[in-house]
Amino acid sequence: MKDQELLQILRAVADESRLKILRTLEKRELCNCEITDVFSLRQSTVSHHLKILAEAHLITVRKEGKWNYYQLNHSTLEQLGPSLLQYVSAQIEEKPLCTREC
């Protein structure tokens, strides 16, 4: 996973509402109106959050008739842990936290 992709994911999950949506989608696939009902948010607000999550490839969309159903993108989530660890390790190697020898 490229650094920019990782940063986009981190920005997407930095919002409490989006994290709650992701946790809800862990259980099952939901349409926009179901998510709206669960969180008592306006449809436009939920759509905005879903757009950000989809752009970060954290969720996928399945169209069925006039409905869009959202589910977790397990492929991206499986890559996230190792990519985050690799990114942090690279940052530490580039900029050591301690400059004096112990």
PDB file of N, CA and C in Angstrom:
ATOM      1  N   MET A   1       0.852  -1.170   0.000  1.00  0.00           N
ATOM      2  CA  MET A   1       0.000   0.000   0.000  1.00  0.00           C
ATOM      3  C   MET A   1       0.903   1.240   0.000  1.00  0.00           C
ATOM      4  N   LYS A   2       0.602   2.181  -0.869  1.00  0.00           N
ATOM      5  CA  LYS A   2       1.393   3.408  -0.970  1.00  0.00           C
ATOM      6  C   LYS A   2       1.085   4.335   0.206  1.00  0.00           C
ATOM      7  N   ASP A   3       2.055   5.201   0.517  1.00  0.00           N
ATOM      8  CA  ASP A   3       1.892   6.129   1.636  1.00  0.00           C
ATOM      9  C   ASP A   3       0.639   6.986   1.492  1.00  0.00           C
ATOM     10  N   GLN A   4       0.368   7.484   0.289  1.00  0.00           N
ATOM     11  CA  GLN A   4      -0.806   8.346   0.088  1.00  0.00           C
ATOM     12  C   GLN A   4      -2.109   7.586   0.350  1.00  0.00           C
ATOM     13  N   GLU A   5      -2.145   6.321  -0.053  1.00  0.00           N
ATOM     14  CA  GLU A   5      -3.338   5.503   0.206  1.00  0.00           C
ATOM     15  C   GLU A   5      -3.527   5.299   1.710  1.00  0.00           C
ATOM     16  N   LEU A   6      -2.426   5.029   2.392  1.00  0.00           N
ATOM     17  CA  LEU A   6      -2.484   4.836   3.836  1.00  0.00           C
ATOM     18  C   LEU A   6      -2.952   6.108   4.536  1.00  0.00           C
ATOM     19  N   LEU A   7      -2.422   7.243   4.126  1.00  0.00           N
ATOM     20  CA  LEU A   7      -2.827   8.513   4.733  1.00  0.00           C
ATOM     21  C   LEU A   7      -4.297   8.821   4.463  1.00  0.00           C
ATOM     22  N   GLN A   8      -4.783   8.477   3.269  1.00  0.00           N
ATOM     23  CA  GLN A   8      -6.198   8.688   2.954  1.00  0.00           C
ATOM     24  C   GLN A   8      -7.085   7.835   3.874  1.00  0.00           C
ATOM     25  N   ILE A   9      -6.665   6.617   4.124  1.00  0.00           N
ATOM     26  CA  ILE A   9      -7.413   5.734   5.023  1.00  0.00           C
ATOM     27  C   ILE A   9      -7.419   6.300   6.440  1.00  0.00           C
ATOM     28  N   LEU A  10      -6.259   6.757   6.890  1.00  0.00           N
ATOM     29  CA  LEU A  10      -6.174   7.301   8.250  1.00  0.00           C
ATOM     30  C   LEU A  10      -7.043   8.544   8.409  1.00  0.00           C
ATOM     31  N   ARG A  11      -7.079   9.383   7.371  1.00  0.00           N
ATOM     32  CA  ARG A  11      -7.957  10.563   7.428  1.00  0.00           C
ATOM     33  C   ARG A  11      -9.426  10.130   7.473  1.00  0.00           C
ATOM     34  N   ALA A  12      -9.752   9.088   6.720  1.00  0.00           N
ATOM     35  CA  ALA A  12     -11.144   8.621   6.675  1.00  0.00           C
ATOM     36  C   ALA A  12     -11.603   8.085   8.024  1.00  0.00           C
ATOM     37  N   VAL A  13     -10.732   7.379   8.727  1.00  0.00           N
ATOM     38  CA  VAL A  13     -11.141   6.785  10.005  1.00  0.00           C
ATOM     39  C   VAL A  13     -10.918   7.722  11.187  1.00  0.00           C
ATOM     40  N   ALA A  14     -10.434   8.930  10.918  1.00  0.00           N
ATOM     41  CA  ALA A  14     -10.207   9.903  11.993  1.00  0.00           C
ATOM     42  C   ALA A  14     -11.504  10.556  12.466  1.00  0.00           C
ATOM     43  N   ASP A  15     -12.613  10.209  11.848  1.00  0.00           N
ATOM     44  CA  ASP A  15     -13.915  10.772  12.207  1.00  0.00           C
ATOM     45  C   ASP A  15     -14.723   9.723  12.975  1.00  0.00           C
ATOM     46  N   GLU A  16     -15.272  10.116  14.108  1.00  0.00           N
ATOM     47  CA  GLU A  16     -16.006   9.182  14.962  1.00  0.00           C
ATOM     48  C   GLU A  16     -17.219   8.565  14.262  1.00  0.00           C
ATOM     49  N   SER A  17     -17.952   9.356  13.494  1.00  0.00           N
ATOM     50  CA  SER A  17     -19.133   8.824  12.796  1.00  0.00           C
ATOM     51  C   SER A  17     -18.733   7.775  11.767  1.00  0.00           C
ATOM     52  N   ARG A  18     -17.639   8.020  11.059  1.00  0.00           N
ATOM     53  CA  ARG A  18     -17.195   7.044  10.057  1.00  0.00           C
ATOM     54  C   ARG A  18     -16.722   5.754  10.724  1.00  0.00           C
ATOM     55  N   LEU A  19     -16.063   5.873  11.863  1.00  0.00           N
ATOM     56  CA  LEU A  19     -15.663   4.667  12.595  1.00  0.00           C
ATOM     57  C   LEU A  19     -16.888   3.867  13.033  1.00  0.00           C
ATOM     58  N   LYS A  20     -17.910   4.557  13.497  1.00  0.00           N
ATOM     59  CA  LYS A  20     -19.146   3.875  13.909  1.00  0.00           C
ATOM     60  C   LYS A  20     -19.809   3.184  12.722  1.00  0.00           C
ATOM     61  N   ILE A  21     -19.792   3.832  11.577  1.00  0.00           N
ATOM     62  CA  ILE A  21     -20.363   3.223  10.369  1.00  0.00           C
ATOM     63  C   ILE A  21     -19.591   1.957  10.022  1.00  0.00           C
ATOM     64  N   LEU A  22     -18.261   2.018  10.073  1.00  0.00           N
ATOM     65  CA  LEU A  22     -17.446   0.833   9.776  1.00  0.00           C
ATOM     66  C   LEU A  22     -17.757  -0.298  10.750  1.00  0.00           C
ATOM     67  N   ARG A  23     -17.895   0.017  12.019  1.00  0.00           N
ATOM     68  CA  ARG A  23     -18.205  -1.021  13.012  1.00  0.00           C
ATOM     69  C   ARG A  23     -19.573  -1.638  12.762  1.00  0.00           C
ATOM     70  N   THR A  24     -20.507  -0.832  12.334  1.00  0.00           N
ATOM     71  CA  THR A  24     -21.842  -1.342  12.024  1.00  0.00           C
ATOM     72  C   THR A  24     -21.798  -2.246  10.795  1.00  0.00           C
ATOM     73  N   LEU A  25     -20.986  -1.868   9.816  1.00  0.00           N
ATOM     74  CA  LEU A  25     -20.878  -2.669   8.597  1.00  0.00           C
ATOM     75  C   LEU A  25     -20.112  -3.973   8.826  1.00  0.00           C
ATOM     76  N   GLU A  26     -19.442  -4.097   9.966  1.00  0.00           N
ATOM     77  CA  GLU A  26     -18.798  -5.368  10.318  1.00  0.00           C
ATOM     78  C   GLU A  26     -19.840  -6.464  10.448  1.00  0.00           C
ATOM     79  N   LYS A  27     -20.998  -6.083  10.937  1.00  0.00           N
ATOM     80  CA  LYS A  27     -22.050  -7.063  11.217  1.00  0.00           C
ATOM     81  C   LYS A  27     -22.742  -7.544   9.950  1.00  0.00           C
ATOM     82  N   ARG A  28     -23.044  -6.574   9.054  1.00  0.00           N
ATOM     83  CA  ARG A  28     -23.732  -6.947   7.810  1.00  0.00           C
ATOM     84  C   ARG A  28     -23.751  -5.771   6.850  1.00  0.00           C
ATOM     85  N   GLU A  29     -24.077  -6.075   5.633  1.00  0.00           N
ATOM     86  CA  GLU A  29     -24.227  -5.070   4.581  1.00  0.00           C
ATOM     87  C   GLU A  29     -25.484  -4.239   4.863  1.00  0.00           C
ATOM     88  N   LEU A  30     -25.394  -2.928   4.632  1.00  0.00           N
ATOM     89  CA  LEU A  30     -26.533  -2.042   4.879  1.00  0.00           C
ATOM     90  C   LEU A  30     -26.701  -1.050   3.738  1.00  0.00           C
ATOM     91  N   CYS A  31     -27.936  -0.582   3.557  1.00  0.00           N
ATOM     92  CA  CYS A  31     -28.176   0.493   2.594  1.00  0.00           C
ATOM     93  C   CYS A  31     -28.099   1.829   3.332  1.00  0.00           C
ATOM     94  N   ASN A  32     -28.040   2.909   2.575  1.00  0.00           N
ATOM     95  CA  ASN A  32     -27.912   4.250   3.138  1.00  0.00           C
ATOM     96  C   ASN A  32     -29.026   4.538   4.144  1.00  0.00           C
ATOM     97  N   CYS A  33     -30.254   4.186   3.797  1.00  0.00           N
ATOM     98  CA  CYS A  33     -31.378   4.503   4.693  1.00  0.00           C
ATOM     99  C   CYS A  33     -31.273   3.745   6.015  1.00  0.00           C
ATOM    100  N   GLU A  34     -30.756   2.526   5.995  1.00  0.00           N
ATOM    101  CA  GLU A  34     -30.583   1.773   7.242  1.00  0.00           C
ATOM    102  C   GLU A  34     -29.520   2.430   8.126  1.00  0.00           C
ATOM    103  N   ILE A  35     -28.439   2.879   7.503  1.00  0.00           N
ATOM    104  CA  ILE A  35     -27.380   3.563   8.253  1.00  0.00           C
ATOM    105  C   ILE A  35     -27.916   4.870   8.823  1.00  0.00           C
ATOM    106  N   THR A  36     -28.697   5.581   8.026  1.00  0.00           N
ATOM    107  CA  THR A  36     -29.315   6.830   8.477  1.00  0.00           C
ATOM    108  C   THR A  36     -30.177   6.582   9.713  1.00  0.00           C
ATOM    109  N   ASP A  37     -30.968   5.516   9.700  1.00  0.00           N
ATOM    110  CA  ASP A  37     -31.838   5.188  10.835  1.00  0.00           C
ATOM    111  C   ASP A  37     -31.037   4.804  12.080  1.00  0.00           C
ATOM    112  N   VAL A  38     -29.985   4.014  11.890  1.00  0.00           N
ATOM    113  CA  VAL A  38     -29.175   3.549  13.020  1.00  0.00           C
ATOM    114  C   VAL A  38     -28.551   4.719  13.772  1.00  0.00           C
ATOM    115  N   PHE A  39     -28.052   5.708  13.034  1.00  0.00           N
ATOM    116  CA  PHE A  39     -27.314   6.808  13.662  1.00  0.00           C
ATOM    117  C   PHE A  39     -28.107   8.101  13.796  1.00  0.00           C
ATOM    118  N   SER A  40     -29.336   8.101  13.359  1.00  0.00           N
ATOM    119  CA  SER A  40     -30.174   9.310  13.409  1.00  0.00           C
ATOM    120  C   SER A  40     -29.467  10.512  12.790  1.00  0.00           C
ATOM    121  N   LEU A  41     -28.858  10.275  11.640  1.00  0.00           N
ATOM    122  CA  LEU A  41     -28.186  11.336  10.887  1.00  0.00           C
ATOM    123  C   LEU A  41     -28.991  11.640   9.637  1.00  0.00           C
ATOM    124  N   ARG A  42     -28.768  12.815   9.079  1.00  0.00           N
ATOM    125  CA  ARG A  42     -29.420  13.148   7.812  1.00  0.00           C
ATOM    126  C   ARG A  42     -28.831  12.281   6.702  1.00  0.00           C
ATOM    127  N   GLN A  43     -29.651  12.014   5.703  1.00  0.00           N
ATOM    128  CA  GLN A  43     -29.229  11.183   4.581  1.00  0.00           C
ATOM    129  C   GLN A  43     -28.022  11.791   3.886  1.00  0.00           C
ATOM    130  N   SER A  44     -27.987  13.105   3.740  1.00  0.00           N
ATOM    131  CA  SER A  44     -26.861  13.760   3.062  1.00  0.00           C
ATOM    132  C   SER A  44     -25.564  13.606   3.862  1.00  0.00           C
ATOM    133  N   THR A  45     -25.668  13.620   5.182  1.00  0.00           N
ATOM    134  CA  THR A  45     -24.489  13.436   6.041  1.00  0.00           C
ATOM    135  C   THR A  45     -23.952  12.021   5.907  1.00  0.00           C
ATOM    136  N   VAL A  46     -24.844  11.051   5.939  1.00  0.00           N
ATOM    137  CA  VAL A  46     -24.435   9.652   5.780  1.00  0.00           C
ATOM    138  C   VAL A  46     -23.810   9.449   4.403  1.00  0.00           C
ATOM    139  N   SER A  47     -24.408  10.016   3.369  1.00  0.00           N
ATOM    140  CA  SER A  47     -23.857   9.899   2.012  1.00  0.00           C
ATOM    141  C   SER A  47     -22.448  10.473   1.939  1.00  0.00           C
ATOM    142  N   HIS A  48     -22.233  11.600   2.602  1.00  0.00           N
ATOM    143  CA  HIS A  48     -20.903  12.222   2.629  1.00  0.00           C
ATOM    144  C   HIS A  48     -19.888  11.281   3.289  1.00  0.00           C
ATOM    145  N   HIS A  49     -20.252  10.707   4.435  1.00  0.00           N
ATOM    146  CA  HIS A  49     -19.355   9.782   5.129  1.00  0.00           C
ATOM    147  C   HIS A  49     -19.081   8.536   4.286  1.00  0.00           C
ATOM    148  N   LEU A  50     -20.114   8.004   3.653  1.00  0.00           N
ATOM    149  CA  LEU A  50     -19.948   6.812   2.821  1.00  0.00           C
ATOM    150  C   LEU A  50     -19.046   7.098   1.622  1.00  0.00           C
ATOM    151  N   LYS A  51     -19.161   8.283   1.059  1.00  0.00           N
ATOM    152  CA  LYS A  51     -18.313   8.675  -0.073  1.00  0.00           C
ATOM    153  C   LYS A  51     -16.841   8.681   0.344  1.00  0.00           C
ATOM    154  N   ILE A  52     -16.545   9.249   1.493  1.00  0.00           N
ATOM    155  CA  ILE A  52     -15.163   9.301   1.985  1.00  0.00           C
ATOM    156  C   ILE A  52     -14.636   7.895   2.260  1.00  0.00           C
ATOM    157  N   LEU A  53     -15.449   7.051   2.864  1.00  0.00           N
ATOM    158  CA  LEU A  53     -15.038   5.673   3.142  1.00  0.00           C
ATOM    159  C   LEU A  53     -14.818   4.884   1.856  1.00  0.00           C
ATOM    160  N   ALA A  54     -15.665   5.112   0.862  1.00  0.00           N
ATOM    161  CA  ALA A  54     -15.519   4.424  -0.424  1.00  0.00           C
ATOM    162  C   ALA A  54     -14.272   4.908  -1.160  1.00  0.00           C
ATOM    163  N   GLU A  55     -14.004   6.217  -1.122  1.00  0.00           N
ATOM    164  CA  GLU A  55     -12.810   6.757  -1.780  1.00  0.00           C
ATOM    165  C   GLU A  55     -11.528   6.223  -1.143  1.00  0.00           C
ATOM    166  N   ALA A  56     -11.585   5.898   0.137  1.00  0.00           N
ATOM    167  CA  ALA A  56     -10.439   5.314   0.834  1.00  0.00           C
ATOM    168  C   ALA A  56     -10.403   3.794   0.659  1.00  0.00           C
ATOM    169  N   HIS A  57     -11.338   3.254  -0.100  1.00  0.00           N
ATOM    170  CA  HIS A  57     -11.451   1.815  -0.380  1.00  0.00           C
ATOM    171  C   HIS A  57     -11.708   0.990   0.881  1.00  0.00           C
ATOM    172  N   LEU A  58     -12.322   1.603   1.877  1.00  0.00           N
ATOM    173  CA  LEU A  58     -12.650   0.884   3.100  1.00  0.00           C
ATOM    174  C   LEU A  58     -13.984   0.156   2.999  1.00  0.00           C
ATOM    175  N   ILE A  59     -14.840   0.612   2.092  1.00  0.00           N
ATOM    176  CA  ILE A  59     -16.123  -0.047   1.859  1.00  0.00           C
ATOM    177  C   ILE A  59     -16.323  -0.226   0.357  1.00  0.00           C
ATOM    178  N   THR A  60     -17.190  -1.152   0.028  1.00  0.00           N
ATOM    179  CA  THR A  60     -17.586  -1.344  -1.367  1.00  0.00           C
ATOM    180  C   THR A  60     -19.092  -1.118  -1.468  1.00  0.00           C
ATOM    181  N   VAL A  61     -19.534  -0.847  -2.678  1.00  0.00           N
ATOM    182  CA  VAL A  61     -20.944  -0.560  -2.931  1.00  0.00           C
ATOM    183  C   VAL A  61     -21.481  -1.592  -3.910  1.00  0.00           C
ATOM    184  N   ARG A  62     -22.636  -2.149  -3.573  1.00  0.00           N
ATOM    185  CA  ARG A  62     -23.324  -3.069  -4.473  1.00  0.00           C
ATOM    186  C   ARG A  62     -24.672  -2.451  -4.793  1.00  0.00           C
ATOM    187  N   LYS A  63     -24.927  -2.265  -6.083  1.00  0.00           N
ATOM    188  CA  LYS A  63     -26.199  -1.670  -6.508  1.00  0.00           C
ATOM    189  C   LYS A  63     -27.209  -2.777  -6.773  1.00  0.00           C
ATOM    190  N   GLU A  64     -28.404  -2.560  -6.243  1.00  0.00           N
ATOM    191  CA  GLU A  64     -29.498  -3.495  -6.484  1.00  0.00           C
ATOM    192  C   GLU A  64     -30.752  -2.666  -6.719  1.00  0.00           C
ATOM    193  N   GLY A  65     -31.149  -2.567  -7.976  1.00  0.00           N
ATOM    194  CA  GLY A  65     -32.276  -1.710  -8.323  1.00  0.00           C
ATOM    195  C   GLY A  65     -31.937  -0.264  -8.021  1.00  0.00           C
ATOM    196  N   LYS A  66     -32.781   0.394  -7.251  1.00  0.00           N
ATOM    197  CA  LYS A  66     -32.521   1.794  -6.906  1.00  0.00           C
ATOM    198  C   LYS A  66     -31.733   1.937  -5.606  1.00  0.00           C
ATOM    199  N   TRP A  67     -31.359   0.819  -4.990  1.00  0.00           N
ATOM    200  CA  TRP A  67     -30.673   0.836  -3.699  1.00  0.00           C
ATOM    201  C   TRP A  67     -29.180   0.571  -3.851  1.00  0.00           C
ATOM    202  N   ASN A  68     -28.400   1.226  -2.998  1.00  0.00           N
ATOM    203  CA  ASN A  68     -26.968   0.947  -2.875  1.00  0.00           C
ATOM    204  C   ASN A  68     -26.742   0.277  -1.524  1.00  0.00           C
ATOM    205  N   TYR A  69     -26.056  -0.851  -1.555  1.00  0.00           N
ATOM    206  CA  TYR A  69     -25.737  -1.574  -0.326  1.00  0.00           C
ATOM    207  C   TYR A  69     -24.238  -1.480  -0.080  1.00  0.00           C
ATOM    208  N   TYR A  70     -23.877  -1.159   1.154  1.00  0.00           N
ATOM    209  CA  TYR A  70     -22.485  -0.926   1.522  1.00  0.00           C
ATOM    210  C   TYR A  70     -21.998  -2.053   2.422  1.00  0.00           C
ATOM    211  N   GLN A  71     -20.748  -2.457   2.178  1.00  0.00           N
ATOM    212  CA  GLN A  71     -20.136  -3.477   3.023  1.00  0.00           C
ATOM    213  C   GLN A  71     -18.650  -3.178   3.167  1.00  0.00           C
ATOM    214  N   LEU A  72     -18.040  -3.774   4.181  1.00  0.00           N
ATOM    215  CA  LEU A  72     -16.611  -3.574   4.399  1.00  0.00           C
ATOM    216  C   LEU A  72     -15.815  -4.155   3.243  1.00  0.00           C
ATOM    217  N   ASN A  73     -14.720  -3.503   2.911  1.00  0.00           N
ATOM    218  CA  ASN A  73     -13.785  -4.024   1.924  1.00  0.00           C
ATOM    219  C   ASN A  73     -12.686  -4.745   2.709  1.00  0.00           C
ATOM    220  N   HIS A  74     -12.853  -6.030   2.889  1.00  0.00           N
ATOM    221  CA  HIS A  74     -11.934  -6.809   3.717  1.00  0.00           C
ATOM    222  C   HIS A  74     -10.519  -6.825   3.157  1.00  0.00           C
ATOM    223  N   SER A  75     -10.380  -6.731   1.861  1.00  0.00           N
ATOM    224  CA  SER A  75      -9.054  -6.712   1.239  1.00  0.00           C
ATOM    225  C   SER A  75      -8.232  -5.526   1.736  1.00  0.00           C
ATOM    226  N   THR A  76      -8.827  -4.341   1.734  1.00  0.00           N
ATOM    227  CA  THR A  76      -8.126  -3.142   2.215  1.00  0.00           C
ATOM    228  C   THR A  76      -7.824  -3.261   3.699  1.00  0.00           C
ATOM    229  N   LEU A  77      -8.779  -3.744   4.470  1.00  0.00           N
ATOM    230  CA  LEU A  77      -8.583  -3.855   5.916  1.00  0.00           C
ATOM    231  C   LEU A  77      -7.478  -4.846   6.262  1.00  0.00           C
ATOM    232  N   GLU A  78      -7.351  -5.920   5.486  1.00  0.00           N
ATOM    233  CA  GLU A  78      -6.288  -6.899   5.722  1.00  0.00           C
ATOM    234  C   GLU A  78      -4.910  -6.310   5.437  1.00  0.00           C
ATOM    235  N   GLN A  79      -4.823  -5.392   4.480  1.00  0.00           N
ATOM    236  CA  GLN A  79      -3.550  -4.755   4.141  1.00  0.00           C
ATOM    237  C   GLN A  79      -3.184  -3.646   5.116  1.00  0.00           C
ATOM    238  N   LEU A  80      -4.160  -3.121   5.814  1.00  0.00           N
ATOM    239  CA  LEU A  80      -3.959  -1.933   6.646  1.00  0.00           C
ATOM    240  C   LEU A  80      -2.946  -2.150   7.769  1.00  0.00           C
ATOM    241  N   GLY A  81      -3.088  -3.223   8.525  1.00  0.00           N
ATOM    242  CA  GLY A  81      -2.180  -3.472   9.654  1.00  0.00           C
ATOM    243  C   GLY A  81      -0.720  -3.537   9.235  1.00  0.00           C
ATOM    244  N   PRO A  82      -0.370  -4.431   8.303  1.00  0.00           N
ATOM    245  CA  PRO A  82       1.026  -4.501   7.865  1.00  0.00           C
ATOM    246  C   PRO A  82       1.525  -3.202   7.229  1.00  0.00           C
ATOM    247  N   SER A  83       0.677  -2.526   6.479  1.00  0.00           N
ATOM    248  CA  SER A  83       1.087  -1.271   5.835  1.00  0.00           C
ATOM    249  C   SER A  83       1.363  -0.187   6.863  1.00  0.00           C
ATOM    250  N   LEU A  84       0.530  -0.116   7.884  1.00  0.00           N
ATOM    251  CA  LEU A  84       0.723   0.885   8.932  1.00  0.00           C
ATOM    252  C   LEU A  84       2.013   0.611   9.700  1.00  0.00           C
ATOM    253  N   LEU A  85       2.257  -0.644  10.018  1.00  0.00           N
ATOM    254  CA  LEU A  85       3.481  -1.020  10.720  1.00  0.00           C
ATOM    255  C   LEU A  85       4.712  -0.690   9.877  1.00  0.00           C
ATOM    256  N   GLN A  86       4.654  -0.993   8.596  1.00  0.00           N
ATOM    257  CA  GLN A  86       5.764  -0.704   7.687  1.00  0.00           C
ATOM    258  C   GLN A  86       6.004   0.804   7.600  1.00  0.00           C
ATOM    259  N   TYR A  87       4.942   1.583   7.519  1.00  0.00           N
ATOM    260  CA  TYR A  87       5.062   3.044   7.431  1.00  0.00           C
ATOM    261  C   TYR A  87       5.713   3.613   8.692  1.00  0.00           C
ATOM    262  N   VAL A  88       5.250   3.184   9.850  1.00  0.00           N
ATOM    263  CA  VAL A  88       5.795   3.683  11.113  1.00  0.00           C
ATOM    264  C   VAL A  88       7.259   3.268  11.258  1.00  0.00           C
ATOM    265  N   SER A  89       7.581   2.027  10.913  1.00  0.00           N
ATOM    266  CA  SER A  89       8.964   1.555  10.994  1.00  0.00           C
ATOM    267  C   SER A  89       9.880   2.372  10.097  1.00  0.00           C
ATOM    268  N   ALA A  90       9.420   2.679   8.900  1.00  0.00           N
ATOM    269  CA  ALA A  90      10.223   3.477   7.967  1.00  0.00           C
ATOM    270  C   ALA A  90      10.447   4.882   8.512  1.00  0.00           C
ATOM    271  N   GLN A  91       9.433   5.464   9.140  1.00  0.00           N
ATOM    272  CA  GLN A  91       9.577   6.801   9.714  1.00  0.00           C
ATOM    273  C   GLN A  91      10.589   6.800  10.854  1.00  0.00           C
ATOM    274  N   ILE A  92      10.581   5.767  11.661  1.00  0.00           N
ATOM    275  CA  ILE A  92      11.520   5.671  12.782  1.00  0.00           C
ATOM    276  C   ILE A  92      12.946   5.512  12.263  1.00  0.00           C
ATOM    277  N   GLU A  93      13.120   4.710  11.208  1.00  0.00           N
ATOM    278  CA  GLU A  93      14.452   4.525  10.635  1.00  0.00           C
ATOM    279  C   GLU A  93      14.988   5.824  10.054  1.00  0.00           C
ATOM    280  N   GLU A  94      14.121   6.604   9.419  1.00  0.00           N
ATOM    281  CA  GLU A  94      14.537   7.868   8.818  1.00  0.00           C
ATOM    282  C   GLU A  94      14.851   8.916   9.870  1.00  0.00           C
ATOM    283  N   LYS A  95      14.067   8.947  10.926  1.00  0.00           N
ATOM    284  CA  LYS A  95      14.217   9.972  11.964  1.00  0.00           C
ATOM    285  C   LYS A  95      14.259   9.296  13.328  1.00  0.00           C
ATOM    286  N   PRO A  96      15.435   8.880  13.751  1.00  0.00           N
ATOM    287  CA  PRO A  96      15.521   8.220  15.058  1.00  0.00           C
ATOM    288  C   PRO A  96      14.983   9.121  16.169  1.00  0.00           C
ATOM    289  N   LEU A  97      14.328   8.506  17.127  1.00  0.00           N
ATOM    290  CA  LEU A  97      13.751   9.261  18.234  1.00  0.00           C
ATOM    291  C   LEU A  97      14.826   9.784  19.183  1.00  0.00           C
ATOM    292  N   CYS A  98      15.885   9.041  19.330  1.00  0.00           N
ATOM    293  CA  CYS A  98      16.949   9.412  20.251  1.00  0.00           C
ATOM    294  C   CYS A  98      18.249   9.546  19.459  1.00  0.00           C
ATOM    295  N   THR A  99      18.926  10.671  19.605  1.00  0.00           N
ATOM    296  CA  THR A  99      20.149  10.900  18.829  1.00  0.00           C
ATOM    297  C   THR A  99      21.414  10.580  19.604  1.00  0.00           C
ATOM    298  N   ARG A 100      21.305  10.384  20.899  1.00  0.00           N
ATOM    299  CA  ARG A 100      22.509  10.069  21.662  1.00  0.00           C
ATOM    300  C   ARG A 100      22.620   8.565  21.860  1.00  0.00           C
ATOM    301  N   GLU A 101      23.839   8.121  22.031  1.00  0.00           N
ATOM    302  CA  GLU A 101      24.066   6.691  22.223  1.00  0.00           C
ATOM    303  C   GLU A 101      23.946   6.346  23.697  1.00  0.00           C
ATOM    304  N   CYS A 102      23.291   5.242  23.981  1.00  0.00           N
ATOM    305  CA  CYS A 102      23.106   4.824  25.374  1.00  0.00           C
ATOM    306  C   CYS A 102      24.055   3.699  25.713  1.00  0.00           C
TER     307      CYS A 102
END
